[in-house]
Amino acid sequence: MTTSSLSSVQALQPGAEIWVIPPPAESAWAARIDWYLNFQISRGLASKPSSRSSVIEKLLSNIKWTLPLDFKVDHASLLIAPMGRVPANWILIPEAWNNEEHLLRQLKDLKSAKIRIFPPAGVSVDRLIRSALADDMTVEIVSQTER
């Protein structure tokens, strides 16, 4: 595994397949990237899954058939395909930065060789980097201050 630090000048340059950023409210970088993405991050974080209609609920009760309750996730990670708006294939907004195991699992599942992390203020990514990431993965850390 290779790690490197990037300055604010290098942060938005091509190079990494996946960018991992916090919600826009927690980082100036995230707010700027959200603007480049036409506010897809803000809209994605604000969307709520729809619930089943009363007609379907009534039909289910009439035929005495049950389905699991509505799919509800209080806090879920958000994965966005920027489609050329920024030089990355994917933007990942993790559900929580303090749940390193979950974040590591997501990064491993995405199977990317090069990841750029924009950590929120006050969050250290040292433990994340030292954790069990694949040996052939490159991790770039962007400084928390933007020019």
C-alpha atoms as a PDB file:
ATOM      1  CA  MET A   1       0.000   0.000   0.000  1.00  0.00           C
ATOM      2  CA  THR A   2       1.236   3.463  -0.876  1.00  0.00           C
ATOM      3  CA  THR A   3       0.136   6.624   0.892  1.00  0.00           C
ATOM      4  CA  SER A   4       0.748  10.233  -0.007  1.00  0.00           C
ATOM      5  CA  SER A   5      -0.415  13.657   1.066  1.00  0.00           C
ATOM      6  CA  LEU A   6      -1.848  16.104  -1.421  1.00  0.00           C
ATOM      7  CA  SER A   7      -1.887  19.864  -1.223  1.00  0.00           C
ATOM      8  CA  SER A   8      -4.956  21.939  -1.976  1.00  0.00           C
ATOM      9  CA  VAL A   9      -3.570  22.603  -5.461  1.00  0.00           C
ATOM     10  CA  GLN A  10      -3.442  18.868  -6.244  1.00  0.00           C
ATOM     11  CA  ALA A  11      -6.717  17.898  -4.566  1.00  0.00           C
ATOM     12  CA  LEU A  12      -9.029  18.223  -7.560  1.00  0.00           C
ATOM     13  CA  GLN A  13      -6.565  16.906 -10.139  1.00  0.00           C
ATOM     14  CA  PRO A  14      -7.012  13.528 -11.867  1.00  0.00           C
ATOM     15  CA  GLY A  15      -5.405  10.463 -10.349  1.00  0.00           C
ATOM     16  CA  ALA A  16      -7.721   8.594  -7.991  1.00  0.00           C
ATOM     17  CA  GLU A  17     -10.639   6.385  -9.008  1.00  0.00           C
ATOM     18  CA  ILE A  18     -12.621   6.969  -5.818  1.00  0.00           C
ATOM     19  CA  TRP A  19     -12.887  10.108  -3.725  1.00  0.00           C
ATOM     20  CA  VAL A  20     -14.044   9.644  -0.129  1.00  0.00           C
ATOM     21  CA  ILE A  21     -15.508  12.846   1.276  1.00  0.00           C
ATOM     22  CA  PRO A  22     -17.597  13.875   4.292  1.00  0.00           C
ATOM     23  CA  PRO A  23     -21.023  15.519   3.987  1.00  0.00           C
ATOM     24  CA  PRO A  24     -20.860  19.133   2.711  1.00  0.00           C
ATOM     25  CA  ALA A  25     -21.786  20.527   6.130  1.00  0.00           C
ATOM     26  CA  GLU A  26     -18.569  19.079   7.600  1.00  0.00           C
ATOM     27  CA  SER A  27     -16.014  20.128   5.018  1.00  0.00           C
ATOM     28  CA  ALA A  28     -15.279  23.030   2.703  1.00  0.00           C
ATOM     29  CA  TRP A  29     -13.883  20.524   0.215  1.00  0.00           C
ATOM     30  CA  ALA A  30     -17.114  18.548   0.218  1.00  0.00           C
ATOM     31  CA  ALA A  31     -19.183  21.695  -0.299  1.00  0.00           C
ATOM     32  CA  ARG A  32     -17.017  22.660  -3.265  1.00  0.00           C
ATOM     33  CA  ILE A  33     -17.189  19.176  -4.801  1.00  0.00           C
ATOM     34  CA  ASP A  34     -20.967  19.142  -4.220  1.00  0.00           C
ATOM     35  CA  TRP A  35     -21.194  22.362  -6.247  1.00  0.00           C
ATOM     36  CA  TYR A  36     -19.234  20.764  -9.114  1.00  0.00           C
ATOM     37  CA  LEU A  37     -21.643  17.790  -8.966  1.00  0.00           C
ATOM     38  CA  ASN A  38     -24.684  20.073  -9.262  1.00  0.00           C
ATOM     39  CA  PHE A  39     -25.558  19.393  -5.608  1.00  0.00           C
ATOM     40  CA  GLN A  40     -26.028  15.645  -6.112  1.00  0.00           C
ATOM     41  CA  ILE A  41     -24.515  15.013  -2.680  1.00  0.00           C
ATOM     42  CA  SER A  42     -26.895  17.350  -0.858  1.00  0.00           C
ATOM     43  CA  ARG A  43     -29.882  15.966  -2.750  1.00  0.00           C
ATOM     44  CA  GLY A  44     -28.792  12.372  -2.192  1.00  0.00           C
ATOM     45  CA  LEU A  45     -28.291  12.875   1.533  1.00  0.00           C
ATOM     46  CA  ALA A  46     -31.665  14.638   1.838  1.00  0.00           C
ATOM     47  CA  SER A  47     -33.714  12.030  -0.047  1.00  0.00           C
ATOM     48  CA  LYS A  48     -35.881   9.686   1.949  1.00  0.00           C
ATOM     49  CA  PRO A  49     -36.989   6.251   0.733  1.00  0.00           C
ATOM     50  CA  SER A  50     -40.645   6.167  -0.163  1.00  0.00           C
ATOM     51  CA  SER A  51     -43.079   4.027   1.777  1.00  0.00           C
ATOM     52  CA  ARG A  52     -45.696   1.637   0.440  1.00  0.00           C
ATOM     53  CA  SER A  53     -48.985   3.203  -0.493  1.00  0.00           C
ATOM     54  CA  SER A  54     -52.157   2.585   1.500  1.00  0.00           C
ATOM     55  CA  VAL A  55     -53.637   0.764  -1.521  1.00  0.00           C
ATOM     56  CA  ILE A  56     -50.866  -1.832  -1.439  1.00  0.00           C
ATOM     57  CA  GLU A  57     -51.135  -2.146   2.339  1.00  0.00           C
ATOM     58  CA  LYS A  58     -54.888  -2.768   2.012  1.00  0.00           C
ATOM     59  CA  LEU A  59     -54.333  -5.333  -0.747  1.00  0.00           C
ATOM     60  CA  LEU A  60     -51.766  -7.159   1.367  1.00  0.00           C
ATOM     61  CA  SER A  61     -54.135  -7.301   4.326  1.00  0.00           C
ATOM     62  CA  ASN A  62     -56.994  -8.550   2.102  1.00  0.00           C
ATOM     63  CA  ILE A  63     -54.986 -11.482   0.811  1.00  0.00           C
ATOM     64  CA  LYS A  64     -53.426 -12.087   4.246  1.00  0.00           C
ATOM     65  CA  TRP A  65     -49.947 -11.796   2.923  1.00  0.00           C
ATOM     66  CA  THR A  66     -47.125 -10.042   4.738  1.00  0.00           C
ATOM     67  CA  LEU A  67     -44.078  -8.259   3.492  1.00  0.00           C
ATOM     68  CA  PRO A  68     -41.197  -6.917   5.528  1.00  0.00           C
ATOM     69  CA  LEU A  69     -41.665  -3.415   6.829  1.00  0.00           C
ATOM     70  CA  ASP A  70     -40.614  -0.558   4.614  1.00  0.00           C
ATOM     71  CA  PHE A  71     -36.944  -0.476   3.820  1.00  0.00           C
ATOM     72  CA  LYS A  72     -35.665   2.256   6.064  1.00  0.00           C
ATOM     73  CA  VAL A  73     -32.089   3.225   6.622  1.00  0.00           C
ATOM     74  CA  ASP A  74     -31.454   6.076   9.007  1.00  0.00           C
ATOM     75  CA  HIS A  75     -27.890   6.712   7.946  1.00  0.00           C
ATOM     76  CA  ALA A  76     -26.514   5.104   4.852  1.00  0.00           C
ATOM     77  CA  SER A  77     -23.430   5.786   2.809  1.00  0.00           C
ATOM     78  CA  LEU A  78     -23.917   7.514  -0.506  1.00  0.00           C
ATOM     79  CA  LEU A  79     -22.109   6.509  -3.696  1.00  0.00           C
ATOM     80  CA  ILE A  80     -22.232   8.885  -6.664  1.00  0.00           C
ATOM     81  CA  ALA A  81     -20.964   8.452 -10.219  1.00  0.00           C
ATOM     82  CA  PRO A  82     -19.823  11.975 -11.152  1.00  0.00           C
ATOM     83  CA  MET A  83     -20.053  11.358 -14.922  1.00  0.00           C
ATOM     84  CA  GLY A  84     -17.148  13.608 -15.879  1.00  0.00           C
ATOM     85  CA  ARG A  85     -17.979  16.507 -13.539  1.00  0.00           C
ATOM     86  CA  VAL A  86     -14.890  15.750 -11.431  1.00  0.00           C
ATOM     87  CA  PRO A  87     -11.877  13.573 -12.349  1.00  0.00           C
ATOM     88  CA  ALA A  88     -12.980  10.492 -10.387  1.00  0.00           C
ATOM     89  CA  ASN A  89     -15.104   7.459 -11.209  1.00  0.00           C
ATOM     90  CA  TRP A  90     -16.916   7.411  -7.870  1.00  0.00           C
ATOM     91  CA  ILE A  91     -17.576   9.715  -4.927  1.00  0.00           C
ATOM     92  CA  LEU A  92     -18.215   7.935  -1.616  1.00  0.00           C
ATOM     93  CA  ILE A  93     -19.781   9.762   1.313  1.00  0.00           C
ATOM     94  CA  PRO A  94     -19.499   7.319   4.245  1.00  0.00           C
ATOM     95  CA  GLU A  95     -22.283   7.127   6.790  1.00  0.00           C
ATOM     96  CA  ALA A  96     -19.839   7.706   9.639  1.00  0.00           C
ATOM     97  CA  TRP A  97     -16.154   8.514   9.771  1.00  0.00           C
ATOM     98  CA  ASN A  98     -15.809   6.993  13.233  1.00  0.00           C
ATOM     99  CA  ASN A  99     -16.845   3.524  12.005  1.00  0.00           C
ATOM    100  CA  GLU A 100     -13.553   2.549  10.396  1.00  0.00           C
ATOM    101  CA  GLU A 101     -14.444  -1.120   9.925  1.00  0.00           C
ATOM    102  CA  HIS A 102     -17.529  -0.228   7.887  1.00  0.00           C
ATOM    103  CA  LEU A 103     -15.596   2.313   5.815  1.00  0.00           C
ATOM    104  CA  LEU A 104     -12.807  -0.188   5.149  1.00  0.00           C
ATOM    105  CA  ARG A 105     -15.329  -2.822   4.074  1.00  0.00           C
ATOM    106  CA  GLN A 106     -16.900  -0.358   1.629  1.00  0.00           C
ATOM    107  CA  LEU A 107     -13.522   0.576   0.151  1.00  0.00           C
ATOM    108  CA  LYS A 108     -12.548  -3.071  -0.247  1.00  0.00           C
ATOM    109  CA  ASP A 109     -15.899  -3.868  -1.880  1.00  0.00           C
ATOM    110  CA  LEU A 110     -15.344  -1.124  -4.454  1.00  0.00           C
ATOM    111  CA  LYS A 111     -12.039  -2.781  -5.428  1.00  0.00           C
ATOM    112  CA  SER A 112     -10.274   0.390  -6.424  1.00  0.00           C
ATOM    113  CA  ALA A 113      -6.517   0.646  -6.755  1.00  0.00           C
ATOM    114  CA  LYS A 114      -6.361   4.372  -6.017  1.00  0.00           C
ATOM    115  CA  ILE A 115      -8.394   6.222  -3.389  1.00  0.00           C
ATOM    116  CA  ARG A 116      -8.328   9.906  -2.439  1.00  0.00           C
ATOM    117  CA  ILE A 117      -9.604  10.796   1.038  1.00  0.00           C
ATOM    118  CA  PHE A 118     -10.834  14.279   1.972  1.00  0.00           C
ATOM    119  CA  PRO A 119     -11.123  13.900   5.779  1.00  0.00           C
ATOM    120  CA  PRO A 120     -13.382  16.220   7.771  1.00  0.00           C
ATOM    121  CA  ALA A 121     -11.800  18.588  10.288  1.00  0.00           C
ATOM    122  CA  GLY A 122     -10.776  16.866  13.489  1.00  0.00           C
ATOM    123  CA  VAL A 123     -10.714  13.350  12.029  1.00  0.00           C
ATOM    124  CA  SER A 124      -7.443  11.485  11.811  1.00  0.00           C
ATOM    125  CA  VAL A 125      -7.099   8.947   9.047  1.00  0.00           C
ATOM    126  CA  ASP A 126      -3.881   7.432  10.386  1.00  0.00           C
ATOM    127  CA  ARG A 127      -5.634   4.382  11.837  1.00  0.00           C
ATOM    128  CA  LEU A 128      -7.637   3.986   8.659  1.00  0.00           C
ATOM    129  CA  ILE A 129      -4.482   3.972   6.557  1.00  0.00           C
ATOM    130  CA  ARG A 130      -2.727   1.507   8.858  1.00  0.00           C
ATOM    131  CA  SER A 131      -5.714  -0.839   8.782  1.00  0.00           C
ATOM    132  CA  ALA A 132      -6.003  -3.840   6.537  1.00  0.00           C
ATOM    133  CA  LEU A 133      -6.260  -2.177   3.122  1.00  0.00           C
ATOM    134  CA  ALA A 134      -5.039  -4.178   0.170  1.00  0.00           C
ATOM    135  CA  ASP A 135      -1.312  -4.086  -0.419  1.00  0.00           C
ATOM    136  CA  ASP A 136      -1.724  -2.874  -3.992  1.00  0.00           C
ATOM    137  CA  MET A 137      -3.929   0.090  -3.027  1.00  0.00           C
ATOM    138  CA  THR A 138      -2.769   3.699  -3.205  1.00  0.00           C
ATOM    139  CA  VAL A 139      -4.290   6.141  -0.699  1.00  0.00           C
ATOM    140  CA  GLU A 140      -3.986   9.893  -1.147  1.00  0.00           C
ATOM    141  CA  ILE A 141      -4.873  12.172   1.762  1.00  0.00           C
ATOM    142  CA  VAL A 142      -5.921  15.747   0.992  1.00  0.00           C
ATOM    143  CA  SER A 143      -5.024  18.406   3.536  1.00  0.00           C
ATOM    144  CA  GLN A 144      -8.027  19.560   5.525  1.00  0.00           C
ATOM    145  CA  THR A 145      -7.551  23.221   4.737  1.00  0.00           C
ATOM    146  CA  GLU A 146      -8.634  24.606   1.421  1.00  0.00           C
ATOM    147  CA  ARG A 147      -7.057  27.671  -0.122  1.00  0.00           C
END
